[in-house]
C-alpha atoms as a PDB file:
ATOM      1  CA  MET A   1      -0.066  -0.003   0.114  1.00  0.00           C
ATOM      2  CA  SER A   2       1.378   3.441  -0.984  1.00  0.00           C
ATOM      3  CA  GLY A   3       1.863   6.166   1.413  1.00  0.00           C
ATOM      4  CA  SER A   4      -0.337   8.576  -0.509  1.00  0.00           C
ATOM      5  CA  VAL A   5      -4.193   8.536   0.249  1.00  0.00           C
ATOM      6  CA  ASP A   6      -6.750   9.624  -2.147  1.00  0.00           C
ATOM      7  CA  ALA A   7     -10.167  10.950  -1.159  1.00  0.00           C
ATOM      8  CA  GLY A   8     -12.680   8.038  -1.191  1.00  0.00           C
ATOM      9  CA  GLY A   9      -9.853   5.665  -0.549  1.00  0.00           C
ATOM     10  CA  SER A  10      -9.436   1.919  -1.321  1.00  0.00           C
ATOM     11  CA  LEU A  11      -9.226   0.324   2.106  1.00  0.00           C
ATOM     12  CA  LEU A  12     -12.998   0.493   2.673  1.00  0.00           C
ATOM     13  CA  PRO A  13     -13.779  -1.618  -0.479  1.00  0.00           C
ATOM     14  CA  ARG A  14     -10.821  -3.941   0.388  1.00  0.00           C
ATOM     15  CA  LEU A  15     -12.497  -4.643   3.892  1.00  0.00           C
ATOM     16  CA  GLN A  16     -15.693  -5.211   2.179  1.00  0.00           C
ATOM     17  CA  ARG A  17     -14.266  -7.662  -0.308  1.00  0.00           C
ATOM     18  CA  ASP A  18     -12.416  -9.573   2.514  1.00  0.00           C
ATOM     19  CA  GLN A  19     -15.545  -9.855   4.469  1.00  0.00           C
ATOM     20  CA  ALA A  20     -17.320 -11.269   1.421  1.00  0.00           C
ATOM     21  CA  ASN A  21     -14.488 -13.955   1.116  1.00  0.00           C
ATOM     22  CA  ALA A  22     -14.694 -14.609   4.721  1.00  0.00           C
ATOM     23  CA  ARG A  23     -18.376 -15.044   4.502  1.00  0.00           C
ATOM     24  CA  ARG A  24     -17.960 -17.562   1.388  1.00  0.00           C
ATOM     25  CA  GLU A  25     -15.293 -19.404   3.263  1.00  0.00           C
ATOM     26  CA  GLN A  26     -17.528 -19.591   6.370  1.00  0.00           C
ATOM     27  CA  LEU A  27     -14.980 -17.831   8.704  1.00  0.00           C
ATOM     28  CA  LYS A  28     -17.711 -16.527  10.972  1.00  0.00           C
ATOM     29  CA  ASP A  29     -15.267 -14.854  13.416  1.00  0.00           C
ATOM     30  CA  ARG A  30     -13.649 -12.899  10.503  1.00  0.00           C
ATOM     31  CA  VAL A  31     -17.003 -11.970   9.061  1.00  0.00           C
ATOM     32  CA  LEU A  32     -17.983 -10.469  12.485  1.00  0.00           C
ATOM     33  CA  LEU A  33     -14.699  -8.499  13.004  1.00  0.00           C
ATOM     34  CA  LEU A  34     -14.469  -7.064   9.602  1.00  0.00           C
ATOM     35  CA  GLY A  35     -18.511  -6.309   9.760  1.00  0.00           C
ATOM     36  CA  MET A  36     -17.837  -4.518  13.081  1.00  0.00           C
ATOM     37  CA  ILE A  37     -15.010  -2.431  11.663  1.00  0.00           C
ATOM     38  CA  ILE A  38     -16.990  -1.589   8.287  1.00  0.00           C
ATOM     39  CA  SER A  39     -19.842  -0.554  10.545  1.00  0.00           C
ATOM     40  CA  GLU A  40     -17.502   1.687  12.562  1.00  0.00           C
ATOM     41  CA  VAL A  41     -16.285   3.166   9.298  1.00  0.00           C
ATOM     42  CA  LYS A  42     -19.806   3.895   8.122  1.00  0.00           C
ATOM     43  CA  ASN A  43     -20.628   5.557  11.550  1.00  0.00           C
ATOM     44  CA  ARG A  44     -17.679   7.647  10.821  1.00  0.00           C
ATOM     45  CA  GLU A  45     -18.883   8.832   7.493  1.00  0.00           C
ATOM     46  CA  ILE A  46     -22.167   9.777   9.047  1.00  0.00           C
ATOM     47  CA  GLU A  47     -20.283  11.829  11.746  1.00  0.00           C
ATOM     48  CA  LEU A  48     -18.138  13.295   9.047  1.00  0.00           C
ATOM     49  CA  ARG A  49     -20.779  13.788   6.527  1.00  0.00           C
ATOM     50  CA  ARG A  50     -18.708  12.588   3.692  1.00  0.00           C
ATOM     51  CA  ASP A  51     -16.930   9.498   2.287  1.00  0.00           C
ATOM     52  CA  ALA A  52     -14.232   7.959   4.483  1.00  0.00           C
ATOM     53  CA  THR A  53     -10.632   8.354   3.175  1.00  0.00           C
ATOM     54  CA  ASP A  54      -7.981   5.760   3.775  1.00  0.00           C
ATOM     55  CA  ASP A  55      -6.917   7.865   6.696  1.00  0.00           C
ATOM     56  CA  ASP A  56     -10.153   7.766   8.265  1.00  0.00           C
ATOM     57  CA  VAL A  57     -10.376   3.917   7.807  1.00  0.00           C
ATOM     58  CA  ILE A  58      -6.942   3.656   9.328  1.00  0.00           C
ATOM     59  CA  ASP A  59      -7.935   5.660  12.526  1.00  0.00           C
ATOM     60  CA  VAL A  60     -10.973   3.411  12.951  1.00  0.00           C
ATOM     61  CA  ILE A  61      -8.768   0.268  12.637  1.00  0.00           C
ATOM     62  CA  ARG A  62      -6.121   1.575  14.893  1.00  0.00           C
ATOM     63  CA  LYS A  63      -8.775   2.513  17.536  1.00  0.00           C
ATOM     64  CA  GLY A  64     -10.175  -0.947  17.091  1.00  0.00           C
ATOM     65  CA  ILE A  65      -6.649  -2.504  17.549  1.00  0.00           C
ATOM     66  CA  LYS A  66      -6.087  -0.335  20.661  1.00  0.00           C
ATOM     67  CA  LYS A  67      -9.480  -1.346  22.194  1.00  0.00           C
ATOM     68  CA  ARG A  68      -8.689  -5.046  21.645  1.00  0.00           C
ATOM     69  CA  ARG A  69      -4.963  -4.548  23.235  1.00  0.00           C
ATOM     70  CA  GLU A  70      -6.454  -3.144  26.161  1.00  0.00           C
ATOM     71  CA  SER A  71      -8.728  -6.181  26.509  1.00  0.00           C
ATOM     72  CA  VAL A  72      -5.802  -8.497  25.988  1.00  0.00           C
ATOM     73  CA  GLU A  73      -4.267  -6.764  29.039  1.00  0.00           C
ATOM     74  CA  LEU A  74      -7.390  -7.139  31.067  1.00  0.00           C
ATOM     75  CA  TYR A  75      -7.917 -10.750  30.193  1.00  0.00           C
ATOM     76  CA  GLY A  76      -4.395 -11.602  31.033  1.00  0.00           C
ATOM     77  CA  LYS A  77      -4.893 -10.116  34.476  1.00  0.00           C
ATOM     78  CA  ALA A  78      -7.963 -12.083  35.000  1.00  0.00           C
ATOM     79  CA  GLY A  79      -6.524 -15.250  33.607  1.00  0.00           C
ATOM     80  CA  ARG A  80      -8.972 -15.608  30.764  1.00  0.00           C
ATOM     81  CA  THR A  81      -6.504 -17.093  28.153  1.00  0.00           C
ATOM     82  CA  ASP A  82      -9.571 -18.148  25.977  1.00  0.00           C
ATOM     83  CA  LEU A  83     -10.609 -14.506  25.472  1.00  0.00           C
ATOM     84  CA  LEU A  84      -7.122 -13.193  25.591  1.00  0.00           C
ATOM     85  CA  GLU A  85      -6.418 -15.315  22.358  1.00  0.00           C
ATOM     86  CA  LYS A  86      -9.457 -14.362  20.675  1.00  0.00           C
ATOM     87  CA  GLU A  87      -8.828 -10.600  21.045  1.00  0.00           C
ATOM     88  CA  GLN A  88      -4.961 -11.167  20.216  1.00  0.00           C
ATOM     89  CA  SER A  89      -6.019 -12.897  16.838  1.00  0.00           C
ATOM     90  CA  GLU A  90      -8.285  -9.924  16.092  1.00  0.00           C
ATOM     91  CA  VAL A  91      -5.401  -7.678  16.570  1.00  0.00           C
ATOM     92  CA  THR A  92      -3.327  -9.654  14.225  1.00  0.00           C
ATOM     93  CA  ALA A  93      -6.149  -9.766  11.568  1.00  0.00           C
ATOM     94  CA  LEU A  94      -6.694  -6.115  11.733  1.00  0.00           C
ATOM     95  CA  GLU A  95      -2.900  -5.136  11.636  1.00  0.00           C
ATOM     96  CA  VAL A  96      -2.769  -6.350   7.983  1.00  0.00           C
ATOM     97  CA  TYR A  97      -4.697  -3.322   6.842  1.00  0.00           C
ATOM     98  CA  LEU A  98      -2.357  -0.857   8.395  1.00  0.00           C
ATOM     99  CA  PRO A  99       0.476   0.817   6.372  1.00  0.00           C
ATOM    100  CA  ALA A 100       3.960  -0.531   6.833  1.00  0.00           C
ATOM    101  CA  GLN A 101       5.485   0.598  10.293  1.00  0.00           C
ATOM    102  CA  VAL A 102       7.766   3.437  10.329  1.00  0.00           C
ATOM    103  CA  ASP A 103      11.501   2.829  11.095  1.00  0.00           C
ATOM    104  CA  PRO A 104      12.232   3.756  14.758  1.00  0.00           C
ATOM    105  CA  GLU A 105      15.422   5.676  13.734  1.00  0.00           C
ATOM    106  CA  GLU A 106      13.241   7.835  11.341  1.00  0.00           C
ATOM    107  CA  LEU A 107      11.021   8.573  14.182  1.00  0.00           C
ATOM    108  CA  ARG A 108      13.879   9.229  16.541  1.00  0.00           C
ATOM    109  CA  ALA A 109      15.355  11.453  13.946  1.00  0.00           C
ATOM    110  CA  ALA A 110      12.211  13.574  13.699  1.00  0.00           C
ATOM    111  CA  VAL A 111      12.065  13.922  17.535  1.00  0.00           C
ATOM    112  CA  ARG A 112      15.545  15.204  17.635  1.00  0.00           C
ATOM    113  CA  ALA A 113      14.927  17.645  14.884  1.00  0.00           C
ATOM    114  CA  ALA A 114      11.788  18.976  16.809  1.00  0.00           C
ATOM    115  CA  MET A 115      13.993  19.344  19.969  1.00  0.00           C
ATOM    116  CA  GLN A 116      16.664  21.007  18.186  1.00  0.00           C
ATOM    117  CA  GLY A 117      13.900  23.400  16.623  1.00  0.00           C
ATOM    118  CA  GLY A 118      13.125  24.485  20.285  1.00  0.00           C
ATOM    119  CA  ALA A 119      10.486  21.991  21.405  1.00  0.00           C
ATOM    120  CA  VAL A 120      11.491  21.362  25.177  1.00  0.00           C
ATOM    121  CA  ASN A 121       8.573  19.461  26.632  1.00  0.00           C
ATOM    122  CA  ILE A 122       6.648  16.312  25.689  1.00  0.00           C
ATOM    123  CA  GLY A 123       3.561  18.201  24.469  1.00  0.00           C
ATOM    124  CA  ALA A 124       5.521  20.725  22.292  1.00  0.00           C
ATOM    125  CA  VAL A 125       7.613  17.704  20.613  1.00  0.00           C
ATOM    126  CA  MET A 126       4.509  15.731  20.193  1.00  0.00           C
ATOM    127  CA  ALA A 127       2.711  18.503  18.413  1.00  0.00           C
ATOM    128  CA  LYS A 128       5.586  18.790  15.939  1.00  0.00           C
ATOM    129  CA  VAL A 129       6.244  15.141  15.331  1.00  0.00           C
ATOM    130  CA  MET A 130       2.745  13.662  15.377  1.00  0.00           C
ATOM    131  CA  PRO A 131       1.527  15.267  12.085  1.00  0.00           C
ATOM    132  CA  GLN A 132       4.452  13.910  10.147  1.00  0.00           C
ATOM    133  CA  PHE A 133       3.412  10.452  11.042  1.00  0.00           C
ATOM    134  CA  LYS A 134      -0.290  10.537  11.265  1.00  0.00           C
ATOM    135  CA  GLY A 135      -1.888   7.210  10.488  1.00  0.00           C
ATOM    136  CA  ARG A 136       1.513   5.399  10.286  1.00  0.00           C
ATOM    137  CA  VAL A 137       2.645   5.334  14.000  1.00  0.00           C
ATOM    138  CA  GLU A 138       0.670   5.080  17.279  1.00  0.00           C
ATOM    139  CA  GLY A 139       0.802   8.032  19.563  1.00  0.00           C
ATOM    140  CA  GLY A 140       2.053   5.839  22.467  1.00  0.00           C
ATOM    141  CA  THR A 141       5.047   4.723  20.376  1.00  0.00           C
ATOM    142  CA  ILE A 142       5.926   8.451  19.432  1.00  0.00           C
ATOM    143  CA  ASN A 143       5.505   9.328  23.190  1.00  0.00           C
ATOM    144  CA  ALA A 144       7.904   6.664  24.467  1.00  0.00           C
ATOM    145  CA  ILE A 145      10.729   7.941  22.002  1.00  0.00           C
ATOM    146  CA  VAL A 146       9.965  11.536  22.888  1.00  0.00           C
ATOM    147  CA  ARG A 147      10.365  10.544  26.567  1.00  0.00           C
ATOM    148  CA  GLU A 148      13.567   8.838  25.973  1.00  0.00           C
ATOM    149  CA  GLU A 149      15.139  11.703  24.047  1.00  0.00           C
ATOM    150  CA  LEU A 150      14.098  14.237  26.532  1.00  0.00           C
ATOM    151  CA  ALA A 151      15.563  12.170  29.309  1.00  0.00           C
ATOM    152  CA  ARG A 152      18.818  12.033  27.336  1.00  0.00           C
ATOM    153  CA  GLY A 153      18.747  15.985  27.309  1.00  0.00           C
END
């Protein structure tokens, strides 16, 4: 998948095709998972009053992954390995729709550049770096690198 995103996007039709294929192959869990994501994208379109772009779809998928990772953590603490494995498999299934991850060194270089440009606290550095990597890196990952770099001084 390329880094450029066009209005209207190609990710939603891909999700819909994959759901139809899963339905034909009788993969009930996958049909339900993709149906849930497609539904959330449709709700987002209603909210935005326009068709979803690939960036919008990626945001929905990232939120879905984040929600499931939180569930994995909770189920792990509760000792519910059956539910933990189901949530983890959903995370893995959704990750295939995300763009390739950014090299951590590229991220670190952007953080250092922001700090050299005068950003001296987490909020200021995040404000400069986040737009450069929108939709390609989770905020938590950027935040961790910012904290490391600020600690180094």
